[in-house]
Amino acid sequence: MLAEVAATDISIVRQANSFKESAEVAQEGAKAAKVARQQIEKSTGKSAISKLNAKNTGQRRLENN
């Protein structure tokens, strides 16, 4: 979901009109999401990828240590 939001914001700023421009924006959005995922994984020491449905990720409960 982050890639789509990033790509949309980049597209609005750049005012991408052609297919080529839109493809470049999509790739940049994907790169931004990848960097964010890697940073989350580095910070938590866990994989950011889960089998949970995106609709349910906000419903996860924090584990008590």
Protein backbone atom coordinates (compact mmCIF):
# COMPACT_ATOMS: atom_id res chain seq x y z
CA MET A 1 0.00 0.00 0.00
CA LEU A 2 2.89 2.35 0.73
CA ALA A 3 4.17 2.03 -2.84
CA GLU A 4 0.81 3.10 -4.24
CA VAL A 5 0.52 6.09 -1.92
CA ALA A 6 4.10 7.16 -2.66
CA ALA A 7 3.59 6.80 -6.40
CA THR A 8 0.36 8.81 -6.26
CA ASP A 9 2.02 11.64 -4.34
CA ILE A 10 5.04 11.67 -6.67
CA SER A 11 2.74 11.66 -9.70
CA ILE A 12 0.78 14.64 -8.38
CA VAL A 13 3.94 16.64 -7.75
CA ARG A 14 5.53 15.75 -11.10
CA GLN A 15 2.25 15.90 -13.01
CA ALA A 16 3.06 12.74 -14.94
CA ASN A 17 1.04 12.68 -18.15
CA SER A 18 2.55 10.02 -20.37
CA PHE A 19 2.77 6.27 -19.87
CA LYS A 20 6.55 6.50 -19.63
CA GLU A 21 6.39 9.18 -16.93
CA SER A 22 3.80 7.17 -15.01
CA ALA A 23 5.96 4.03 -15.22
CA GLU A 24 8.95 5.95 -13.85
CA VAL A 25 6.82 7.31 -11.02
CA ALA A 26 5.58 3.81 -10.20
CA GLN A 27 9.14 2.52 -10.04
CA GLU A 28 10.17 5.36 -7.75
CA GLY A 29 7.19 4.67 -5.48
CA ALA A 30 8.19 1.01 -5.30
CA LYS A 31 11.76 1.98 -4.39
CA ALA A 32 10.49 4.26 -1.61
CA ALA A 33 8.37 1.43 -0.20
CA LYS A 34 11.30 -0.99 -0.38
CA VAL A 35 13.55 1.36 1.56
CA ALA A 36 10.83 1.86 4.18
CA ARG A 37 10.32 -1.91 4.52
CA GLN A 38 14.04 -2.51 4.89
CA GLN A 39 14.29 0.18 7.57
CA ILE A 40 11.37 -1.32 9.51
CA GLU A 41 12.97 -4.75 9.34
CA LYS A 42 16.31 -3.34 10.48
CA SER A 43 14.69 -1.51 13.39
CA THR A 44 12.54 -4.42 14.57
CA GLY A 45 14.77 -7.34 13.65
CA LYS A 46 11.70 -9.03 12.14
CA SER A 47 10.24 -9.42 8.68
CA ALA A 48 7.75 -6.70 7.76
CA ILE A 49 5.99 -9.12 5.43
CA SER A 50 3.11 -11.05 6.93
CA LYS A 51 0.33 -13.40 5.88
CA LEU A 52 -2.20 -11.06 7.51
CA ASN A 53 -4.66 -9.29 5.29
CA ALA A 54 -3.93 -5.55 5.08
CA LYS A 55 -7.42 -4.88 6.43
CA ASN A 56 -6.49 -6.71 9.63
CA THR A 57 -2.99 -5.38 10.27
CA GLY A 58 -4.26 -2.54 12.45
CA GLN A 59 -5.97 -5.11 14.66
CA ARG A 60 -2.76 -6.86 15.74
CA ARG A 61 -2.07 -6.71 19.43
CA LEU A 62 1.29 -5.79 20.88
CA GLU A 63 3.03 -8.61 22.67
CA ASN A 64 3.73 -8.04 26.36
CA ASN A 65 7.39 -8.63 27.08
